Amino acid sequence: MAALARAEWEDAALAVWQDPDDVWTPERFEKALEPLLADYGALDFTPRARQATLTRIEQTAPRQWEVTHNLLDPQGEGSWHLRGTIDLASGRTPEGRLVRLDAIEP
């Protein structure tokens, strides 16, 4: 989240588990956030933007969860969000990054 707020796309790509079939490159992060940044100018990364109430974790299957985190802009609107998956049922060793980013969307 901090990397997104600072537009550090390479660091953002390192912060998520990279699915070999759906890689989030620095360029993909930048392109996904381009419309949000065009509308709002920045992302909020103050403590207000990191409140637990902005994150939802829902179990979708045994050992699998969908994670959603609302992104706040400087005006406090949370119309955009990150959506990801934690999959501990796939047989992949749960070391390092656990969340596979699926989308950044309004």
PDB file of N, CA and C in Angstrom:
ATOM      1  N   MET A   1       0.810  -1.186   0.000  1.00  0.00           N
ATOM      2  CA  MET A   1       0.000   0.000   0.000  1.00  0.00           C
ATOM      3  C   MET A   1       0.859   1.257   0.000  1.00  0.00           C
ATOM      4  N   ALA A   2       1.923   1.269   0.806  1.00  0.00           N
ATOM      5  CA  ALA A   2       2.806   2.435   0.838  1.00  0.00           C
ATOM      6  C   ALA A   2       3.435   2.658  -0.522  1.00  0.00           C
ATOM      7  N   ALA A   3       3.836   1.577  -1.180  1.00  0.00           N
ATOM      8  CA  ALA A   3       4.455   1.706  -2.503  1.00  0.00           C
ATOM      9  C   ALA A   3       3.472   2.311  -3.501  1.00  0.00           C
ATOM     10  N   LEU A   4       2.208   1.936  -3.417  1.00  0.00           N
ATOM     11  CA  LEU A   4       1.203   2.507  -4.316  1.00  0.00           C
ATOM     12  C   LEU A   4       1.026   3.995  -4.054  1.00  0.00           C
ATOM     13  N   ALA A   5       0.978   4.381  -2.791  1.00  0.00           N
ATOM     14  CA  ALA A   5       0.798   5.789  -2.438  1.00  0.00           C
ATOM     15  C   ALA A   5       1.976   6.638  -2.900  1.00  0.00           C
ATOM     16  N   ARG A   6       3.167   6.048  -2.956  1.00  0.00           N
ATOM     17  CA  ARG A   6       4.367   6.787  -3.392  1.00  0.00           C
ATOM     18  C   ARG A   6       4.655   6.579  -4.876  1.00  0.00           C
ATOM     19  N   ALA A   7       3.786   5.848  -5.577  1.00  0.00           N
ATOM     20  CA  ALA A   7       3.966   5.534  -6.996  1.00  0.00           C
ATOM     21  C   ALA A   7       5.293   4.820  -7.242  1.00  0.00           C
ATOM     22  N   GLU A   8       5.657   3.943  -6.327  1.00  0.00           N
ATOM     23  CA  GLU A   8       6.862   3.125  -6.470  1.00  0.00           C
ATOM     24  C   GLU A   8       6.427   1.764  -7.002  1.00  0.00           C
ATOM     25  N   TRP A   9       6.238   1.706  -8.307  1.00  0.00           N
ATOM     26  CA  TRP A   9       5.622   0.552  -8.955  1.00  0.00           C
ATOM     27  C   TRP A   9       6.468  -0.712  -8.811  1.00  0.00           C
ATOM     28  N   GLU A  10       7.783  -0.600  -8.851  1.00  0.00           N
ATOM     29  CA  GLU A  10       8.633  -1.786  -8.687  1.00  0.00           C
ATOM     30  C   GLU A  10       8.465  -2.384  -7.292  1.00  0.00           C
ATOM     31  N   ASP A  11       8.425  -1.530  -6.273  1.00  0.00           N
ATOM     32  CA  ASP A  11       8.211  -2.020  -4.903  1.00  0.00           C
ATOM     33  C   ASP A  11       6.825  -2.642  -4.760  1.00  0.00           C
ATOM     34  N   ALA A  12       5.824  -2.067  -5.431  1.00  0.00           N
ATOM     35  CA  ALA A  12       4.472  -2.628  -5.383  1.00  0.00           C
ATOM     36  C   ALA A  12       4.467  -4.039  -5.971  1.00  0.00           C
ATOM     37  N   ALA A  13       5.187  -4.226  -7.070  1.00  0.00           N
ATOM     38  CA  ALA A  13       5.245  -5.551  -7.697  1.00  0.00           C
ATOM     39  C   ALA A  13       5.928  -6.571  -6.790  1.00  0.00           C
ATOM     40  N   LEU A  14       6.866  -6.124  -5.979  1.00  0.00           N
ATOM     41  CA  LEU A  14       7.558  -7.023  -5.056  1.00  0.00           C
ATOM     42  C   LEU A  14       6.717  -7.352  -3.818  1.00  0.00           C
ATOM     43  N   ALA A  15       5.662  -6.594  -3.576  1.00  0.00           N
ATOM     44  CA  ALA A  15       4.873  -6.745  -2.357  1.00  0.00           C
ATOM     45  C   ALA A  15       3.773  -7.797  -2.459  1.00  0.00           C
ATOM     46  N   VAL A  16       3.531  -8.317  -3.655  1.00  0.00           N
ATOM     47  CA  VAL A  16       2.468  -9.309  -3.833  1.00  0.00           C
ATOM     48  C   VAL A  16       3.063 -10.610  -4.354  1.00  0.00           C
ATOM     49  N   TRP A  17       2.341 -11.719  -4.100  1.00  0.00           N
ATOM     50  CA  TRP A  17       2.751 -12.996  -4.656  1.00  0.00           C
ATOM     51  C   TRP A  17       2.469 -12.955  -6.148  1.00  0.00           C
ATOM     52  N   GLN A  18       3.464 -13.261  -6.941  1.00  0.00           N
ATOM     53  CA  GLN A  18       3.323 -13.187  -8.388  1.00  0.00           C
ATOM     54  C   GLN A  18       2.916 -14.542  -8.960  1.00  0.00           C
ATOM     55  N   ASP A  19       1.707 -14.601  -9.475  1.00  0.00           N
ATOM     56  CA  ASP A  19       1.227 -15.787 -10.173  1.00  0.00           C
ATOM     57  C   ASP A  19       1.929 -15.810 -11.531  1.00  0.00           C
ATOM     58  N   PRO A  20       2.636 -16.874 -11.860  1.00  0.00           N
ATOM     59  CA  PRO A  20       3.357 -16.913 -13.139  1.00  0.00           C
ATOM     60  C   PRO A  20       2.443 -16.719 -14.358  1.00  0.00           C
ATOM     61  N   ASP A  21       1.155 -17.029 -14.213  1.00  0.00           N
ATOM     62  CA  ASP A  21       0.212 -16.871 -15.319  1.00  0.00           C
ATOM     63  C   ASP A  21      -0.477 -15.504 -15.339  1.00  0.00           C
ATOM     64  N   ASP A  22      -0.228 -14.677 -14.326  1.00  0.00           N
ATOM     65  CA  ASP A  22      -0.900 -13.372 -14.223  1.00  0.00           C
ATOM     66  C   ASP A  22      -0.002 -12.411 -13.440  1.00  0.00           C
ATOM     67  N   VAL A  23       1.098 -12.018 -14.049  1.00  0.00           N
ATOM     68  CA  VAL A  23       2.125 -11.225 -13.367  1.00  0.00           C
ATOM     69  C   VAL A  23       1.711  -9.752 -13.285  1.00  0.00           C
ATOM     70  N   TRP A  24       1.909  -9.184 -12.090  1.00  0.00           N
ATOM     71  CA  TRP A  24       1.699  -7.751 -11.884  1.00  0.00           C
ATOM     72  C   TRP A  24       3.058  -7.062 -11.998  1.00  0.00           C
ATOM     73  N   THR A  25       3.348  -6.564 -13.177  1.00  0.00           N
ATOM     74  CA  THR A  25       4.595  -5.845 -13.433  1.00  0.00           C
ATOM     75  C   THR A  25       4.461  -4.411 -12.925  1.00  0.00           C
ATOM     76  N   PRO A  26       5.576  -3.709 -12.764  1.00  0.00           N
ATOM     77  CA  PRO A  26       5.476  -2.287 -12.391  1.00  0.00           C
ATOM     78  C   PRO A  26       4.602  -1.505 -13.375  1.00  0.00           C
ATOM     79  N   GLU A  27       4.713  -1.818 -14.653  1.00  0.00           N
ATOM     80  CA  GLU A  27       3.913  -1.123 -15.664  1.00  0.00           C
ATOM     81  C   GLU A  27       2.422  -1.416 -15.501  1.00  0.00           C
ATOM     82  N   ARG A  28       2.099  -2.622 -15.114  1.00  0.00           N
ATOM     83  CA  ARG A  28       0.690  -2.975 -14.902  1.00  0.00           C
ATOM     84  C   ARG A  28       0.119  -2.228 -13.701  1.00  0.00           C
ATOM     85  N   PHE A  29       0.894  -2.113 -12.626  1.00  0.00           N
ATOM     86  CA  PHE A  29       0.446  -1.320 -11.478  1.00  0.00           C
ATOM     87  C   PHE A  29       0.190   0.120 -11.891  1.00  0.00           C
ATOM     88  N   GLU A  30       1.134   0.693 -12.606  1.00  0.00           N
ATOM     89  CA  GLU A  30       0.998   2.095 -13.022  1.00  0.00           C
ATOM     90  C   GLU A  30      -0.238   2.296 -13.895  1.00  0.00           C
ATOM     91  N   LYS A  31      -0.438   1.400 -14.859  1.00  0.00           N
ATOM     92  CA  LYS A  31      -1.599   1.516 -15.748  1.00  0.00           C
ATOM     93  C   LYS A  31      -2.910   1.336 -14.987  1.00  0.00           C
ATOM     94  N   ALA A  32      -2.946   0.388 -14.034  1.00  0.00           N
ATOM     95  CA  ALA A  32      -4.174   0.137 -13.274  1.00  0.00           C
ATOM     96  C   ALA A  32      -4.567   1.339 -12.417  1.00  0.00           C
ATOM     97  N   LEU A  33      -3.571   2.043 -11.882  1.00  0.00           N
ATOM     98  CA  LEU A  33      -3.866   3.178 -10.999  1.00  0.00           C
ATOM     99  C   LEU A  33      -3.937   4.515 -11.730  1.00  0.00           C
ATOM    100  N   GLU A  34      -3.612   4.518 -13.001  1.00  0.00           N
ATOM    101  CA  GLU A  34      -3.625   5.761 -13.776  1.00  0.00           C
ATOM    102  C   GLU A  34      -4.953   6.508 -13.700  1.00  0.00           C
ATOM    103  N   PRO A  35      -6.113   5.837 -13.888  1.00  0.00           N
ATOM    104  CA  PRO A  35      -7.385   6.573 -13.808  1.00  0.00           C
ATOM    105  C   PRO A  35      -7.664   7.144 -12.414  1.00  0.00           C
ATOM    106  N   LEU A  36      -7.340   6.391 -11.368  1.00  0.00           N
ATOM    107  CA  LEU A  36      -7.551   6.882 -10.004  1.00  0.00           C
ATOM    108  C   LEU A  36      -6.687   8.111  -9.752  1.00  0.00           C
ATOM    109  N   LEU A  37      -5.419   8.043 -10.132  1.00  0.00           N
ATOM    110  CA  LEU A  37      -4.516   9.161  -9.902  1.00  0.00           C
ATOM    111  C   LEU A  37      -4.880  10.358 -10.766  1.00  0.00           C
ATOM    112  N   ALA A  38      -5.420  10.126 -11.956  1.00  0.00           N
ATOM    113  CA  ALA A  38      -5.871  11.234 -12.797  1.00  0.00           C
ATOM    114  C   ALA A  38      -7.045  11.959 -12.151  1.00  0.00           C
ATOM    115  N   ASP A  39      -7.936  11.205 -11.508  1.00  0.00           N
ATOM    116  CA  ASP A  39      -9.111  11.805 -10.867  1.00  0.00           C
ATOM    117  C   ASP A  39      -8.780  12.467  -9.534  1.00  0.00           C
ATOM    118  N   TYR A  40      -7.917  11.830  -8.718  1.00  0.00           N
ATOM    119  CA  TYR A  40      -7.706  12.285  -7.347  1.00  0.00           C
ATOM    120  C   TYR A  40      -6.312  12.826  -7.067  1.00  0.00           C
ATOM    121  N   GLY A  41      -5.355  12.553  -7.938  1.00  0.00           N
ATOM    122  CA  GLY A  41      -4.010  13.089  -7.760  1.00  0.00           C
ATOM    123  C   GLY A  41      -3.095  12.268  -6.881  1.00  0.00           C
ATOM    124  N   ALA A  42      -3.659  11.512  -5.938  1.00  0.00           N
ATOM    125  CA  ALA A  42      -2.818  10.760  -5.003  1.00  0.00           C
ATOM    126  C   ALA A  42      -3.670   9.731  -4.266  1.00  0.00           C
ATOM    127  N   LEU A  43      -2.983   8.832  -3.575  1.00  0.00           N
ATOM    128  CA  LEU A  43      -3.613   7.895  -2.650  1.00  0.00           C
ATOM    129  C   LEU A  43      -3.281   8.318  -1.239  1.00  0.00           C
ATOM    130  N   ASP A  44      -4.196   8.125  -0.344  1.00  0.00           N
ATOM    131  CA  ASP A  44      -3.982   8.404   1.075  1.00  0.00           C
ATOM    132  C   ASP A  44      -3.279   7.202   1.700  1.00  0.00           C
ATOM    133  N   PHE A  45      -2.192   7.461   2.423  1.00  0.00           N
ATOM    134  CA  PHE A  45      -1.533   6.384   3.170  1.00  0.00           C
ATOM    135  C   PHE A  45      -1.340   6.780   4.627  1.00  0.00           C
ATOM    136  N   THR A  46      -2.199   7.636   5.113  1.00  0.00           N
ATOM    137  CA  THR A  46      -2.184   8.005   6.520  1.00  0.00           C
ATOM    138  C   THR A  46      -2.805   6.858   7.318  1.00  0.00           C
ATOM    139  N   PRO A  47      -2.748   6.898   8.635  1.00  0.00           N
ATOM    140  CA  PRO A  47      -3.398   5.844   9.426  1.00  0.00           C
ATOM    141  C   PRO A  47      -4.874   5.654   9.067  1.00  0.00           C
ATOM    142  N   ARG A  48      -5.547   6.708   8.654  1.00  0.00           N
ATOM    143  CA  ARG A  48      -6.953   6.613   8.250  1.00  0.00           C
ATOM    144  C   ARG A  48      -7.125   5.611   7.099  1.00  0.00           C
ATOM    145  N   ALA A  49      -6.165   5.549   6.180  1.00  0.00           N
ATOM    146  CA  ALA A  49      -6.255   4.669   5.022  1.00  0.00           C
ATOM    147  C   ALA A  49      -5.894   3.217   5.349  1.00  0.00           C
ATOM    148  N   ARG A  50      -5.370   3.001   6.550  1.00  0.00           N
ATOM    149  CA  ARG A  50      -4.944   1.645   6.936  1.00  0.00           C
ATOM    150  C   ARG A  50      -5.844   1.039   8.010  1.00  0.00           C
ATOM    151  N   GLN A  51      -7.011   1.603   8.203  1.00  0.00           N
ATOM    152  CA  GLN A  51      -7.948   1.085   9.199  1.00  0.00           C
ATOM    153  C   GLN A  51      -8.435  -0.311   8.813  1.00  0.00           C
ATOM    154  N   ALA A  52      -8.604  -1.149   9.801  1.00  0.00           N
ATOM    155  CA  ALA A  52      -9.089  -2.517   9.562  1.00  0.00           C
ATOM    156  C   ALA A  52     -10.464  -2.532   8.911  1.00  0.00           C
ATOM    157  N   THR A  53     -11.261  -1.510   9.129  1.00  0.00           N
ATOM    158  CA  THR A  53     -12.608  -1.475   8.550  1.00  0.00           C
ATOM    159  C   THR A  53     -12.581  -1.369   7.025  1.00  0.00           C
ATOM    160  N   LEU A  54     -11.445  -1.021   6.454  1.00  0.00           N
ATOM    161  CA  LEU A  54     -11.329  -0.905   5.001  1.00  0.00           C
ATOM    162  C   LEU A  54     -10.950  -2.229   4.342  1.00  0.00           C
ATOM    163  N   THR A  55     -10.655  -3.236   5.156  1.00  0.00           N
ATOM    164  CA  THR A  55     -10.238  -4.539   4.636  1.00  0.00           C
ATOM    165  C   THR A  55     -11.278  -5.596   4.963  1.00  0.00           C
ATOM    166  N   ARG A  56     -11.590  -6.409   3.952  1.00  0.00           N
ATOM    167  CA  ARG A  56     -12.528  -7.513   4.134  1.00  0.00           C
ATOM    168  C   ARG A  56     -11.826  -8.798   3.710  1.00  0.00           C
ATOM    169  N   ILE A  57     -11.891  -9.822   4.539  1.00  0.00           N
ATOM    170  CA  ILE A  57     -11.337 -11.137   4.231  1.00  0.00           C
ATOM    171  C   ILE A  57     -12.473 -12.132   4.344  1.00  0.00           C
ATOM    172  N   GLU A  58     -12.740 -12.824   3.243  1.00  0.00           N
ATOM    173  CA  GLU A  58     -13.859 -13.760   3.206  1.00  0.00           C
ATOM    174  C   GLU A  58     -13.371 -15.120   2.724  1.00  0.00           C
ATOM    175  N   GLN A  59     -13.655 -16.158   3.503  1.00  0.00           N
ATOM    176  CA  GLN A  59     -13.271 -17.499   3.094  1.00  0.00           C
ATOM    177  C   GLN A  59     -14.168 -17.938   1.946  1.00  0.00           C
ATOM    178  N   THR A  60     -13.551 -18.409   0.853  1.00  0.00           N
ATOM    179  CA  THR A  60     -14.305 -18.820  -0.332  1.00  0.00           C
ATOM    180  C   THR A  60     -14.298 -20.327  -0.533  1.00  0.00           C
ATOM    181  N   ALA A  61     -13.361 -21.011   0.106  1.00  0.00           N
ATOM    182  CA  ALA A  61     -13.235 -22.468   0.028  1.00  0.00           C
ATOM    183  C   ALA A  61     -12.299 -22.872   1.162  1.00  0.00           C
ATOM    184  N   PRO A  62     -12.182 -24.173   1.447  1.00  0.00           N
ATOM    185  CA  PRO A  62     -11.222 -24.564   2.474  1.00  0.00           C
ATOM    186  C   PRO A  62      -9.821 -24.062   2.126  1.00  0.00           C
ATOM    187  N   ARG A  63      -9.226 -23.333   3.058  1.00  0.00           N
ATOM    188  CA  ARG A  63      -7.875 -22.790   2.922  1.00  0.00           C
ATOM    189  C   ARG A  63      -7.726 -21.774   1.791  1.00  0.00           C
ATOM    190  N   GLN A  64      -8.837 -21.122   1.419  1.00  0.00           N
ATOM    191  CA  GLN A  64      -8.805 -20.077   0.399  1.00  0.00           C
ATOM    192  C   GLN A  64      -9.651 -18.888   0.853  1.00  0.00           C
ATOM    193  N   TRP A  65      -9.129 -17.679   0.603  1.00  0.00           N
ATOM    194  CA  TRP A  65      -9.806 -16.459   1.017  1.00  0.00           C
ATOM    195  C   TRP A  65      -9.712 -15.403  -0.073  1.00  0.00           C
ATOM    196  N   GLU A  66     -10.757 -14.590  -0.163  1.00  0.00           N
ATOM    197  CA  GLU A  66     -10.716 -13.393  -1.004  1.00  0.00           C
ATOM    198  C   GLU A  66     -10.484 -12.206  -0.079  1.00  0.00           C
ATOM    199  N   VAL A  67      -9.565 -11.343  -0.471  1.00  0.00           N
ATOM    200  CA  VAL A  67      -9.197 -10.176   0.324  1.00  0.00           C
ATOM    201  C   VAL A  67      -9.509  -8.929  -0.496  1.00  0.00           C
ATOM    202  N   THR A  68     -10.203  -7.982   0.122  1.00  0.00           N
ATOM    203  CA  THR A  68     -10.494  -6.712  -0.529  1.00  0.00           C
ATOM    204  C   THR A  68     -10.088  -5.586   0.413  1.00  0.00           C
ATOM    205  N   HIS A  69      -9.380  -4.608  -0.138  1.00  0.00           N
ATOM    206  CA  HIS A  69      -9.011  -3.430   0.663  1.00  0.00           C
ATOM    207  C   HIS A  69      -9.384  -2.186  -0.127  1.00  0.00           C
ATOM    208  N   ASN A  70     -10.211  -1.330   0.483  1.00  0.00           N
ATOM    209  CA  ASN A  70     -10.585  -0.071  -0.155  1.00  0.00           C
ATOM    210  C   ASN A  70      -9.415   0.901  -0.104  1.00  0.00           C
ATOM    211  N   LEU A  71      -9.176   1.552  -1.228  1.00  0.00           N
ATOM    212  CA  LEU A  71      -8.141   2.573  -1.325  1.00  0.00           C
ATOM    213  C   LEU A  71      -8.783   3.927  -1.074  1.00  0.00           C
ATOM    214  N   LEU A  72      -8.167   4.726  -0.241  1.00  0.00           N
ATOM    215  CA  LEU A  72      -8.694   6.060   0.022  1.00  0.00           C
ATOM    216  C   LEU A  72      -7.901   7.089  -0.760  1.00  0.00           C
ATOM    217  N   ASP A  73      -8.622   8.025  -1.332  1.00  0.00           N
ATOM    218  CA  ASP A  73      -7.982   9.169  -1.975  1.00  0.00           C
ATOM    219  C   ASP A  73      -7.873  10.276  -0.925  1.00  0.00           C
ATOM    220  N   PRO A  74      -7.213  11.384  -1.230  1.00  0.00           N
ATOM    221  CA  PRO A  74      -7.054  12.442  -0.226  1.00  0.00           C
ATOM    222  C   PRO A  74      -8.375  13.007   0.316  1.00  0.00           C
ATOM    223  N   GLN A  75      -9.468  12.887  -0.447  1.00  0.00           N
ATOM    224  CA  GLN A  75     -10.773  13.373   0.023  1.00  0.00           C
ATOM    225  C   GLN A  75     -11.470  12.363   0.919  1.00  0.00           C
ATOM    226  N   GLY A  76     -10.893  11.163   1.066  1.00  0.00           N
ATOM    227  CA  GLY A  76     -11.472  10.149   1.938  1.00  0.00           C
ATOM    228  C   GLY A  76     -12.480   9.240   1.273  1.00  0.00           C
ATOM    229  N   GLU A  77     -12.620   9.362  -0.036  1.00  0.00           N
ATOM    230  CA  GLU A  77     -13.521   8.466  -0.746  1.00  0.00           C
ATOM    231  C   GLU A  77     -12.830   7.121  -0.925  1.00  0.00           C
ATOM    232  N   GLY A  78     -13.569   6.063  -0.835  1.00  0.00           N
ATOM    233  CA  GLY A  78     -13.015   4.721  -0.991  1.00  0.00           C
ATOM    234  C   GLY A  78     -13.632   4.007  -2.167  1.00  0.00           C
ATOM    235  N   SER A  79     -13.706   4.686  -3.299  1.00  0.00           N
ATOM    236  CA  SER A  79     -14.405   4.110  -4.445  1.00  0.00           C
ATOM    237  C   SER A  79     -13.563   3.096  -5.222  1.00  0.00           C
ATOM    238  N   TRP A  80     -12.268   3.038  -4.967  1.00  0.00           N
ATOM    239  CA  TRP A  80     -11.386   2.065  -5.617  1.00  0.00           C
ATOM    240  C   TRP A  80     -10.940   1.051  -4.582  1.00  0.00           C
ATOM    241  N   HIS A  81     -10.593  -0.151  -5.046  1.00  0.00           N
ATOM    242  CA  HIS A  81     -10.121  -1.164  -4.103  1.00  0.00           C
ATOM    243  C   HIS A  81      -9.126  -2.124  -4.768  1.00  0.00           C
ATOM    244  N   LEU A  82      -8.365  -2.765  -3.908  1.00  0.00           N
ATOM    245  CA  LEU A  82      -7.510  -3.879  -4.300  1.00  0.00           C
ATOM    246  C   LEU A  82      -8.296  -5.143  -4.013  1.00  0.00           C
ATOM    247  N   ARG A  83      -8.240  -6.108  -4.921  1.00  0.00           N
ATOM    248  CA  ARG A  83      -8.890  -7.397  -4.689  1.00  0.00           C
ATOM    249  C   ARG A  83      -7.857  -8.484  -4.930  1.00  0.00           C
ATOM    250  N   GLY A  84      -7.719  -9.378  -3.962  1.00  0.00           N
ATOM    251  CA  GLY A  84      -6.727 -10.429  -4.080  1.00  0.00           C
ATOM    252  C   GLY A  84      -7.209 -11.745  -3.509  1.00  0.00           C
ATOM    253  N   THR A  85      -6.356 -12.751  -3.623  1.00  0.00           N
ATOM    254  CA  THR A  85      -6.670 -14.091  -3.171  1.00  0.00           C
ATOM    255  C   THR A  85      -5.523 -14.641  -2.343  1.00  0.00           C
ATOM    256  N   ILE A  86      -5.873 -15.324  -1.272  1.00  0.00           N
ATOM    257  CA  ILE A  86      -4.912 -16.118  -0.508  1.00  0.00           C
ATOM    258  C   ILE A  86      -5.318 -17.561  -0.723  1.00  0.00           C
ATOM    259  N   ASP A  87      -4.413 -18.360  -1.273  1.00  0.00           N
ATOM    260  CA  ASP A  87      -4.730 -19.750  -1.597  1.00  0.00           C
ATOM    261  C   ASP A  87      -3.703 -20.667  -0.948  1.00  0.00           C
ATOM    262  N   LEU A  88      -4.071 -21.239   0.190  1.00  0.00           N
ATOM    263  CA  LEU A  88      -3.186 -22.170   0.883  1.00  0.00           C
ATOM    264  C   LEU A  88      -3.524 -23.611   0.531  1.00  0.00           C
ATOM    265  N   ALA A  89      -4.523 -23.811  -0.338  1.00  0.00           N
ATOM    266  CA  ALA A  89      -4.926 -25.151  -0.745  1.00  0.00           C
ATOM    267  C   ALA A  89      -4.211 -25.607  -2.014  1.00  0.00           C
ATOM    268  N   SER A  90      -3.498 -24.704  -2.661  1.00  0.00           N
ATOM    269  CA  SER A  90      -2.894 -25.016  -3.957  1.00  0.00           C
ATOM    270  C   SER A  90      -1.657 -25.892  -3.863  1.00  0.00           C
ATOM    271  N   GLY A  91      -1.156 -26.093  -2.662  1.00  0.00           N
ATOM    272  CA  GLY A  91       0.061 -26.876  -2.509  1.00  0.00           C
ATOM    273  C   GLY A  91       1.309 -26.009  -2.522  1.00  0.00           C
ATOM    274  N   ARG A  92       1.158 -24.729  -2.827  1.00  0.00           N
ATOM    275  CA  ARG A  92       2.283 -23.796  -2.810  1.00  0.00           C
ATOM    276  C   ARG A  92       2.684 -23.566  -1.362  1.00  0.00           C
ATOM    277  N   THR A  93       3.967 -23.598  -1.081  1.00  0.00           N
ATOM    278  CA  THR A  93       4.448 -23.376   0.282  1.00  0.00           C
ATOM    279  C   THR A  93       4.159 -21.935   0.691  1.00  0.00           C
ATOM    280  N   PRO A  94       3.466 -21.734   1.809  1.00  0.00           N
ATOM    281  CA  PRO A  94       3.088 -20.378   2.219  1.00  0.00           C
ATOM    282  C   PRO A  94       4.246 -19.615   2.865  1.00  0.00           C
ATOM    283  N   GLU A  95       5.248 -19.304   2.068  1.00  0.00           N
ATOM    284  CA  GLU A  95       6.370 -18.499   2.543  1.00  0.00           C
ATOM    285  C   GLU A  95       6.357 -17.177   1.798  1.00  0.00           C
ATOM    286  N   GLY A  96       6.779 -16.129   2.463  1.00  0.00           N
ATOM    287  CA  GLY A  96       6.842 -14.837   1.794  1.00  0.00           C
ATOM    288  C   GLY A  96       5.464 -14.251   1.563  1.00  0.00           C
ATOM    289  N   ARG A  97       5.269 -13.685   0.401  1.00  0.00           N
ATOM    290  CA  ARG A  97       4.014 -13.015   0.065  1.00  0.00           C
ATOM    291  C   ARG A  97       2.889 -14.036  -0.052  1.00  0.00           C
ATOM    292  N   LEU A  98       1.746 -13.736   0.556  1.00  0.00           N
ATOM    293  CA  LEU A  98       0.606 -14.664   0.521  1.00  0.00           C
ATOM    294  C   LEU A  98      -0.500 -14.207  -0.419  1.00  0.00           C
ATOM    295  N   VAL A  99      -0.631 -12.900  -0.629  1.00  0.00           N
ATOM    296  CA  VAL A  99      -1.744 -12.393  -1.406  1.00  0.00           C
ATOM    297  C   VAL A  99      -1.374 -12.299  -2.884  1.00  0.00           C
ATOM    298  N   ARG A 100      -2.178 -12.961  -3.702  1.00  0.00           N
ATOM    299  CA  ARG A 100      -2.081 -12.804  -5.161  1.00  0.00           C
ATOM    300  C   ARG A 100      -3.044 -11.699  -5.531  1.00  0.00           C
ATOM    301  N   LEU A 101      -2.550 -10.634  -6.127  1.00  0.00           N
ATOM    302  CA  LEU A 101      -3.407  -9.528  -6.516  1.00  0.00           C
ATOM    303  C   LEU A 101      -4.188  -9.922  -7.757  1.00  0.00           C
ATOM    304  N   ASP A 102      -5.506  -9.773  -7.691  1.00  0.00           N
ATOM    305  CA  ASP A 102      -6.364 -10.092  -8.821  1.00  0.00           C
ATOM    306  C   ASP A 102      -6.772  -8.849  -9.603  1.00  0.00           C
ATOM    307  N   ALA A 103      -7.001  -7.740  -8.896  1.00  0.00           N
ATOM    308  CA  ALA A 103      -7.475  -6.543  -9.589  1.00  0.00           C
ATOM    309  C   ALA A 103      -7.279  -5.304  -8.727  1.00  0.00           C
ATOM    310  N   ILE A 104      -7.140  -4.190  -9.395  1.00  0.00           N
ATOM    311  CA  ILE A 104      -7.254  -2.857  -8.799  1.00  0.00           C
ATOM    312  C   ILE A 104      -8.355  -2.200  -9.613  1.00  0.00           C
ATOM    313  N   GLU A 105      -9.463  -1.885  -8.932  1.00  0.00           N
ATOM    314  CA  GLU A 105     -10.634  -1.441  -9.707  1.00  0.00           C
ATOM    315  C   GLU A 105     -11.553  -0.545  -8.892  1.00  0.00           C
ATOM    316  N   PRO A 106     -12.388   0.199  -9.616  1.00  0.00           N
ATOM    317  CA  PRO A 106     -13.403   1.013  -8.912  1.00  0.00           C
ATOM    318  C   PRO A 106     -14.537   0.138  -8.434  1.00  0.00           C
TER     319      PRO A 106
END
